[in-house]
Amino acid sequence: MRNRYLDLLRSLAIVRVVVYHVTGHAALTLAFPAMSVMFALAGSLMAASLDRTGVPAVARRLRRLLPSLWVLAAVFVPAMLLTGLPLTPKVLLWLFPVSDPPANYWGGLALSPIWYLRDYLWFVLASPLVLGLFRRAPLPTLLAPYALLAAIEFGIFPDAPTVLREFGLYFGAWLLGFAHHDGLLRRLSDRVLVPTALVLGAAGLMWIFTHLGPRGYDLNDIHLGNALWSAAFILIAIGRAPAEAPWVDRHPLVSRAVTVLNRRALTVYLWHMPFVVALTPLVGLVGWTPRDPLGLAVRVVLVFALVGVVALLVGGVEDLAARRTPELVPGRSRQTLADRAATAPTSPAPASTDLVPAAAPRVPAPRRPAADRSSRGA
């Protein structure tokens, strides 16, 4: 059974990513380190998949990841080839992005979120081996990515390849997902977890505010501060995640939005940035400044609306990749023929049904046999 709290956390992370890319507000990266949260949740799911099916879980995870990328590539790669992208063997990286696939001058920005799939792919491939190491030596394995990142940031390994740097930056969050799945975070007492989170958070903030990047305190430019602050956030937000969150489903609109965002997470993530790039030039045409609050709000709404249209058109690919029946809009309750027959109104009403007109006075019903009384539902 799905944990709706984790579903809610993932949907909030996706919304935060989109809003950040539209507005560029650095404060959003501090308030909610969305990418690390998404990697932590993915790590937890990957550990669960490996426990269920073993190494074949890697192929299943890739099957769910890659088709949405291929749909995007089917649209944008021909467009880039027609506008100056050289046709070289590297174009095949759009099928299996173990490295950054090539892009031309406009595609480089519009398709920049592909790095997430590149990292995700490497983390999935590494997971069968690393999960075994993690379970033999949890703490050293968990600390290894942070030590690697520190070595890179302090200049000990300054020319590290991009993939290795990303392992240092985000694989720690993925391993915290392993710890969540195995129950290690849940078993930590508050006397251990809370001080640990506070120390990591304080160290992360200290590094962030003493190593400001070109965009100020935007975490995307401050890798070590990002990793430490994100680890603190994950320890609290996921380490103390409730086992259930029935309150999410008490509000139909919230429940449906959470379901849609989770079932269409890749579609929203992959397609939102092209619309952000396409809408940005329109700001000047209507007289808004880049930071005009009304203009930013309108652009956020338009990006979500356009992504919603794409989700209607191609979002079913995510259902097919997950071997679900494709749905136009996920989350609609489905009744079987038996359910519909049981709930269909009958006319005239069965003679055995007790019907009392609304305006009629209550009349004591004749006492029925015990067997008949027991058939009434609660």
Protein backbone atom coordinates (compact mmCIF):
# COMPACT_ATOMS: atom_id res chain seq x y z
CA MET A 1 0.00 0.00 0.00
CA ARG A 2 1.35 3.41 -0.99
CA ASN A 3 2.37 5.88 1.65
CA ARG A 4 0.39 8.98 0.71
CA TYR A 5 2.68 11.22 2.74
CA LEU A 6 5.58 10.25 0.51
CA ASP A 7 3.35 10.76 -2.53
CA LEU A 8 2.53 14.25 -1.23
CA LEU A 9 6.22 14.99 -0.65
CA ARG A 10 7.08 13.93 -4.20
CA SER A 11 4.29 16.03 -5.71
CA LEU A 12 5.40 19.09 -3.72
CA ALA A 13 8.97 18.53 -4.92
CA ILE A 14 7.82 18.48 -8.55
CA VAL A 15 5.78 21.66 -8.11
CA ARG A 16 8.73 23.34 -6.41
CA VAL A 17 11.04 22.46 -9.31
CA VAL A 18 8.68 23.98 -11.86
CA VAL A 19 8.06 27.14 -9.82
CA TYR A 20 11.80 27.58 -9.26
CA HIS A 21 12.59 27.28 -12.96
CA VAL A 22 9.96 29.91 -13.77
CA THR A 23 10.84 32.38 -11.02
CA GLY A 24 14.51 31.67 -10.33
CA HIS A 25 14.04 32.47 -6.61
CA ALA A 26 17.06 31.10 -4.73
CA ALA A 27 15.05 30.96 -1.49
CA LEU A 28 13.03 28.06 -2.93
CA THR A 29 16.14 25.86 -3.04
CA LEU A 30 16.75 26.48 0.66
CA ALA A 31 13.12 26.11 1.72
CA PHE A 32 12.70 22.80 -0.11
CA PRO A 33 15.74 21.00 -1.62
CA ALA A 34 13.49 19.23 -4.08
CA MET A 35 16.00 17.30 -6.17
CA SER A 36 17.62 15.63 -3.15
CA VAL A 37 14.18 14.74 -1.81
CA MET A 38 13.27 13.17 -5.15
CA PHE A 39 16.49 11.13 -5.16
CA ALA A 40 15.87 9.98 -1.58
CA LEU A 41 12.34 8.84 -2.42
CA ALA A 42 13.64 7.10 -5.55
CA GLY A 43 16.33 5.35 -3.51
CA SER A 44 13.73 4.04 -1.09
CA LEU A 45 11.63 2.70 -3.97
CA MET A 46 14.69 1.14 -5.60
CA ALA A 47 15.60 -0.71 -2.40
CA ALA A 48 12.02 -2.00 -2.17
CA SER A 49 12.16 -3.19 -5.80
CA LEU A 50 15.48 -4.97 -5.25
CA ASP A 51 14.06 -6.72 -2.19
CA ARG A 52 11.07 -7.92 -4.21
CA THR A 53 12.72 -9.10 -7.41
CA GLY A 54 16.50 -8.80 -7.05
CA VAL A 55 18.72 -7.60 -9.91
CA PRO A 56 15.87 -7.73 -12.50
CA ALA A 57 14.50 -4.68 -10.68
CA VAL A 58 17.14 -2.64 -12.53
CA ALA A 59 15.59 -3.48 -15.90
CA ARG A 60 12.11 -2.76 -14.57
CA ARG A 61 13.19 0.62 -13.22
CA LEU A 62 14.82 1.55 -16.53
CA ARG A 63 11.70 0.43 -18.37
CA ARG A 64 9.70 2.93 -16.33
CA LEU A 65 12.27 5.68 -16.77
CA LEU A 66 13.29 5.68 -20.42
CA PRO A 67 10.07 5.66 -22.53
CA SER A 68 9.11 9.17 -21.39
CA LEU A 69 12.57 10.37 -22.42
CA TRP A 70 12.19 8.72 -25.83
CA VAL A 71 8.91 10.54 -26.43
CA LEU A 72 10.61 13.85 -25.63
CA ALA A 73 13.55 12.95 -27.87
CA ALA A 74 11.24 12.00 -30.75
CA VAL A 75 10.00 15.61 -30.76
CA PHE A 76 13.10 17.63 -29.93
CA VAL A 77 16.01 15.71 -31.47
CA PRO A 78 14.71 16.10 -35.06
CA ALA A 79 14.01 19.78 -34.32
CA MET A 80 17.58 20.26 -33.08
CA LEU A 81 19.04 18.37 -36.05
CA LEU A 82 17.15 20.74 -38.34
CA THR A 83 18.52 23.79 -36.48
CA GLY A 84 22.21 22.98 -36.38
CA LEU A 85 22.83 19.95 -34.15
CA PRO A 86 25.46 17.73 -35.86
CA LEU A 87 24.36 14.17 -36.53
CA THR A 88 27.00 12.12 -34.69
CA PRO A 89 26.94 8.83 -32.78
CA LYS A 90 26.54 10.85 -29.57
CA VAL A 91 22.92 11.48 -30.57
CA LEU A 92 22.30 7.88 -29.44
CA LEU A 93 22.76 9.10 -25.87
CA TRP A 94 19.16 10.32 -26.14
CA LEU A 95 18.21 6.64 -26.00
CA PHE A 96 20.36 5.77 -22.97
CA PRO A 97 21.82 8.90 -21.31
CA VAL A 98 24.83 7.58 -19.39
CA SER A 99 26.36 10.94 -20.30
CA ASP A 100 24.81 14.26 -21.25
CA PRO A 101 23.20 13.85 -24.67
CA PRO A 102 24.12 16.51 -27.24
CA ALA A 103 21.98 19.59 -27.77
CA ASN A 104 22.19 22.72 -29.88
CA TYR A 105 22.10 26.36 -28.77
CA TRP A 106 18.42 26.42 -27.76
CA GLY A 107 18.05 22.77 -26.76
CA GLY A 108 20.87 23.03 -24.23
CA LEU A 109 18.68 25.15 -21.96
CA ALA A 110 15.24 23.84 -22.88
CA LEU A 111 16.33 20.23 -22.25
CA SER A 112 18.72 20.90 -19.37
CA PRO A 113 16.73 18.83 -16.82
CA ILE A 114 18.03 15.69 -18.58
CA TRP A 115 20.86 15.63 -16.02
CA TYR A 116 18.38 14.20 -13.51
CA LEU A 117 17.74 11.17 -15.71
CA ARG A 118 21.49 10.75 -16.25
CA ASP A 119 22.12 10.64 -12.51
CA TYR A 120 19.06 8.49 -11.89
CA LEU A 121 20.29 6.00 -14.50
CA TRP A 122 23.72 5.68 -12.88
CA PHE A 123 22.23 5.37 -9.39
CA VAL A 124 19.88 2.59 -10.54
CA LEU A 125 22.76 0.69 -12.18
CA ALA A 126 24.87 1.00 -9.01
CA SER A 127 22.10 0.06 -6.59
CA PRO A 128 22.32 -3.78 -6.56
CA LEU A 129 25.99 -3.64 -5.50
CA VAL A 130 25.69 -0.64 -3.19
CA LEU A 131 22.60 -1.92 -1.38
CA GLY A 132 24.58 -4.99 -0.32
CA LEU A 133 27.46 -2.82 0.87
CA PHE A 134 25.06 -0.53 2.68
CA ARG A 135 23.51 -3.39 4.61
CA ARG A 136 26.91 -4.70 5.64
CA ALA A 137 28.31 -1.32 6.69
CA PRO A 138 25.56 1.32 6.71
CA LEU A 139 27.44 4.29 8.14
CA PRO A 140 30.68 4.06 6.11
CA THR A 141 28.68 3.51 2.91
CA LEU A 142 26.43 6.47 3.68
CA LEU A 143 29.36 8.75 4.45
CA ALA A 144 31.32 7.80 1.31
CA PRO A 145 29.46 10.14 -1.15
CA TYR A 146 29.82 13.09 1.23
CA ALA A 147 33.56 12.36 1.66
CA LEU A 148 33.92 12.18 -2.12
CA LEU A 149 32.16 15.52 -2.56
CA ALA A 150 34.28 17.13 0.15
CA ALA A 151 37.46 15.86 -1.57
CA ILE A 152 36.30 17.43 -4.83
CA GLU A 153 35.26 20.72 -3.22
CA PHE A 154 38.49 21.06 -1.24
CA GLY A 155 40.57 20.55 -4.36
CA ILE A 156 41.91 17.08 -3.56
CA PHE A 157 40.23 15.74 -6.70
CA PRO A 158 39.57 18.92 -8.70
CA ASP A 159 39.16 17.36 -12.16
CA ALA A 160 36.56 14.79 -11.19
CA PRO A 161 34.24 13.74 -14.04
CA THR A 162 30.71 15.12 -13.94
CA VAL A 163 29.16 11.76 -13.09
CA LEU A 164 31.53 11.28 -10.15
CA ARG A 165 30.75 14.76 -8.85
CA GLU A 166 27.02 13.99 -9.09
CA PHE A 167 27.55 10.79 -7.10
CA GLY A 168 29.09 12.92 -4.38
CA LEU A 169 26.30 15.46 -4.54
CA TYR A 170 23.16 13.32 -4.75
CA PHE A 171 24.00 9.68 -4.07
CA GLY A 172 24.02 10.39 -0.34
CA ALA A 173 20.34 11.32 -0.63
CA TRP A 174 19.72 8.07 -2.56
CA LEU A 175 21.40 6.12 0.28
CA LEU A 176 19.26 7.92 2.84
CA GLY A 177 16.38 6.48 0.83
CA PHE A 178 17.91 3.02 1.42
CA ALA A 179 18.05 3.83 5.14
CA HIS A 180 14.39 4.89 5.07
CA HIS A 181 13.33 1.67 3.35
CA ASP A 182 15.29 -0.49 5.80
CA GLY A 183 13.76 1.32 8.78
CA LEU A 184 17.09 2.66 10.03
CA LEU A 185 15.89 6.26 10.15
CA ARG A 186 12.69 5.28 11.90
CA ARG A 187 14.61 3.37 14.57
CA LEU A 188 16.85 6.34 15.36
CA SER A 189 15.65 8.03 18.53
CA ASP A 190 14.87 11.74 18.47
CA ARG A 191 17.88 12.25 20.74
CA VAL A 192 20.10 11.05 17.87
CA LEU A 193 18.23 12.06 14.72
CA VAL A 194 17.29 15.63 15.66
CA PRO A 195 20.79 16.73 16.84
CA THR A 196 22.34 15.06 13.79
CA ALA A 197 19.97 16.97 11.51
CA LEU A 198 20.69 20.21 13.35
CA VAL A 199 24.47 19.77 13.05
CA LEU A 200 24.24 18.91 9.35
CA GLY A 201 21.86 21.80 8.71
CA ALA A 202 24.05 24.28 10.57
CA ALA A 203 27.17 23.09 8.73
CA GLY A 204 25.35 23.30 5.43
CA LEU A 205 24.08 26.84 6.08
CA MET A 206 27.53 27.97 7.22
CA TRP A 207 29.08 26.65 4.01
CA ILE A 208 26.31 28.16 1.88
CA PHE A 209 26.58 31.65 3.29
CA THR A 210 30.39 31.65 3.18
CA HIS A 211 30.60 30.26 -0.38
CA LEU A 212 27.96 32.17 -2.28
CA GLY A 213 27.70 31.27 -5.95
CA PRO A 214 26.94 33.44 -9.00
CA ARG A 215 23.25 33.38 -8.05
CA GLY A 216 23.78 34.14 -4.38
CA TYR A 217 22.68 31.37 -2.04
CA ASP A 218 21.11 29.22 -4.75
CA LEU A 219 21.95 25.65 -3.71
CA ASN A 220 22.50 24.57 -7.31
CA ASP A 221 25.77 26.52 -7.29
CA ILE A 222 26.99 25.42 -3.82
CA HIS A 223 27.44 21.66 -3.93
CA LEU A 224 28.76 20.82 -0.48
CA GLY A 225 26.30 23.15 1.23
CA ASN A 226 23.53 21.64 -0.89
CA ALA A 227 24.42 18.08 0.14
CA LEU A 228 24.65 18.86 3.87
CA TRP A 229 21.49 21.00 4.01
CA SER A 230 19.57 18.43 1.96
CA ALA A 231 20.68 15.59 4.25
CA ALA A 232 19.35 17.49 7.25
CA PHE A 233 16.06 18.14 5.45
CA ILE A 234 15.69 14.48 4.45
CA LEU A 235 16.39 13.23 7.99
CA ILE A 236 13.43 15.22 9.28
CA ALA A 237 11.01 15.16 6.32
CA ILE A 238 11.50 11.49 5.43
CA GLY A 239 13.12 10.09 8.55
CA ARG A 240 10.02 11.00 10.53
CA ALA A 241 7.55 10.24 7.76
CA PRO A 242 4.26 8.84 9.08
CA ALA A 243 3.42 5.29 8.08
CA GLU A 244 0.09 6.51 6.71
CA ALA A 245 -1.42 9.86 5.79
CA PRO A 246 -5.18 9.33 5.39
CA TRP A 247 -5.73 13.09 5.67
CA VAL A 248 -4.29 13.50 2.15
CA ASP A 249 -7.29 11.65 0.72
CA ARG A 250 -9.88 13.43 2.83
CA HIS A 251 -9.80 16.36 0.41
CA PRO A 252 -10.72 15.11 -3.08
CA LEU A 253 -8.93 17.90 -4.96
CA VAL A 254 -5.70 17.43 -2.97
CA SER A 255 -5.89 13.67 -3.35
CA ARG A 256 -6.44 13.87 -7.11
CA ALA A 257 -3.65 16.43 -7.59
CA VAL A 258 -1.20 14.25 -5.62
CA THR A 259 -2.14 11.20 -7.68
CA VAL A 260 -1.85 13.02 -11.01
CA LEU A 261 1.54 14.54 -10.15
CA ASN A 262 2.91 11.18 -9.05
CA ARG A 263 1.60 9.29 -12.08
CA ARG A 264 2.85 12.00 -14.46
CA ALA A 265 6.02 13.00 -12.60
CA LEU A 266 8.40 12.32 -15.50
CA THR A 267 6.16 14.02 -18.03
CA VAL A 268 5.91 17.17 -15.90
CA TYR A 269 9.63 17.17 -15.17
CA LEU A 270 10.83 16.61 -18.72
CA TRP A 271 8.41 18.94 -20.50
CA HIS A 272 8.16 21.94 -18.21
CA MET A 273 11.52 23.52 -19.07
CA PRO A 274 10.88 23.88 -22.83
CA PHE A 275 7.76 25.87 -21.98
CA VAL A 276 9.66 27.99 -19.45
CA VAL A 277 12.21 28.85 -22.15
CA ALA A 278 9.53 29.49 -24.77
CA LEU A 279 7.50 31.81 -22.55
CA THR A 280 10.41 33.86 -21.23
CA PRO A 281 10.69 36.16 -24.31
CA LEU A 282 7.01 36.99 -24.03
CA VAL A 283 7.67 38.88 -20.79
CA GLY A 284 9.17 41.84 -22.61
CA LEU A 285 6.49 41.82 -25.29
CA VAL A 286 3.72 42.53 -22.79
CA GLY A 287 5.75 45.08 -20.81
CA TRP A 288 6.52 43.01 -17.72
CA THR A 289 9.91 43.03 -16.08
CA PRO A 290 11.57 39.63 -15.50
CA ARG A 291 10.72 39.89 -11.77
CA ASP A 292 7.24 41.33 -12.13
CA PRO A 293 5.07 39.36 -9.64
CA LEU A 294 2.04 39.29 -11.93
CA GLY A 295 4.14 38.21 -14.88
CA LEU A 296 5.76 35.41 -12.88
CA ALA A 297 2.39 34.20 -11.61
CA VAL A 298 0.96 34.16 -15.13
CA ARG A 299 3.98 32.26 -16.43
CA VAL A 300 3.71 29.65 -13.65
CA VAL A 301 0.04 29.09 -14.51
CA LEU A 302 0.75 28.93 -18.25
CA VAL A 303 3.62 26.45 -17.80
CA PHE A 304 1.45 24.12 -15.72
CA ALA A 305 -1.41 24.48 -18.23
CA LEU A 306 0.83 23.65 -21.19
CA VAL A 307 2.43 20.74 -19.36
CA GLY A 308 -1.09 19.55 -18.55
CA VAL A 309 -1.92 19.51 -22.27
CA VAL A 310 1.22 17.46 -22.98
CA ALA A 311 0.33 15.09 -20.14
CA LEU A 312 -3.07 14.52 -21.73
CA LEU A 313 -1.43 13.79 -25.09
CA VAL A 314 1.54 11.61 -24.11
CA GLY A 315 1.29 11.03 -20.35
CA GLY A 316 -0.18 7.58 -20.94
CA VAL A 317 3.34 6.45 -21.85
CA GLU A 318 4.10 6.46 -18.11
CA ASP A 319 1.13 4.14 -17.54
CA LEU A 320 2.29 1.77 -20.28
CA ALA A 321 5.86 1.81 -18.92
CA ALA A 322 4.52 0.88 -15.48
CA ARG A 323 2.22 -1.75 -17.04
CA ARG A 324 -0.89 0.08 -15.94
CA THR A 325 -4.00 0.63 -18.01
CA PRO A 326 -3.48 4.04 -19.66
CA GLU A 327 -5.61 6.83 -18.24
CA LEU A 328 -6.24 10.26 -19.68
CA VAL A 329 -6.30 11.80 -16.19
CA PRO A 330 -5.02 9.44 -13.46
CA GLY A 331 -6.84 8.91 -10.21
CA ARG A 332 -10.40 8.37 -11.34
CA SER A 333 -12.06 5.64 -9.32
CA ARG A 334 -13.10 2.73 -11.46
CA GLN A 335 -16.15 0.60 -10.76
CA THR A 336 -16.43 -2.95 -11.95
CA LEU A 337 -19.64 -4.20 -13.55
CA ALA A 338 -20.51 -5.90 -10.27
CA ASP A 339 -19.94 -2.63 -8.35
CA ARG A 340 -22.18 -0.70 -10.73
CA ALA A 341 -24.87 -3.33 -10.53
CA ALA A 342 -24.76 -3.27 -6.73
CA THR A 343 -25.06 0.52 -6.54
CA ALA A 344 -27.50 1.05 -9.41
CA PRO A 345 -30.91 2.39 -8.32
CA THR A 346 -33.83 0.01 -8.82
CA SER A 347 -37.36 0.99 -9.61
CA PRO A 348 -39.62 0.01 -8.11
CA ALA A 349 -37.74 -0.53 -4.87
CA PRO A 350 -37.58 -4.10 -3.61
CA ALA A 351 -40.47 -5.00 -1.39
CA SER A 352 -38.15 -5.90 1.46
CA THR A 353 -36.66 -2.37 1.58
CA ASP A 354 -37.81 -0.27 4.51
CA LEU A 355 -38.80 3.11 3.09
CA VAL A 356 -40.33 5.79 5.31
CA PRO A 357 -41.58 8.99 3.59
CA ALA A 358 -39.74 12.07 4.81
CA ALA A 359 -42.86 13.77 6.07
CA ALA A 360 -44.43 10.74 7.66
CA PRO A 361 -44.30 10.21 11.42
CA ARG A 362 -42.01 7.48 12.65
CA VAL A 363 -43.87 4.23 13.17
CA PRO A 364 -42.16 1.44 15.06
CA ALA A 365 -41.28 -1.28 12.60
CA PRO A 366 -42.49 -4.75 13.40
CA ARG A 367 -39.85 -6.84 15.12
CA ARG A 368 -38.09 -9.03 12.62
CA PRO A 369 -36.26 -12.30 13.18
CA ALA A 370 -32.66 -12.02 14.32
CA ALA A 371 -31.32 -13.40 11.04
CA ASP A 372 -33.08 -10.66 9.08
CA ARG A 373 -31.77 -7.91 11.41
CA SER A 374 -28.16 -9.06 11.00
CA SER A 375 -28.23 -8.44 7.23
CA ARG A 376 -28.41 -4.64 7.60
CA GLY A 377 -25.14 -2.84 7.04
CA ALA A 378 -23.53 -0.44 9.49
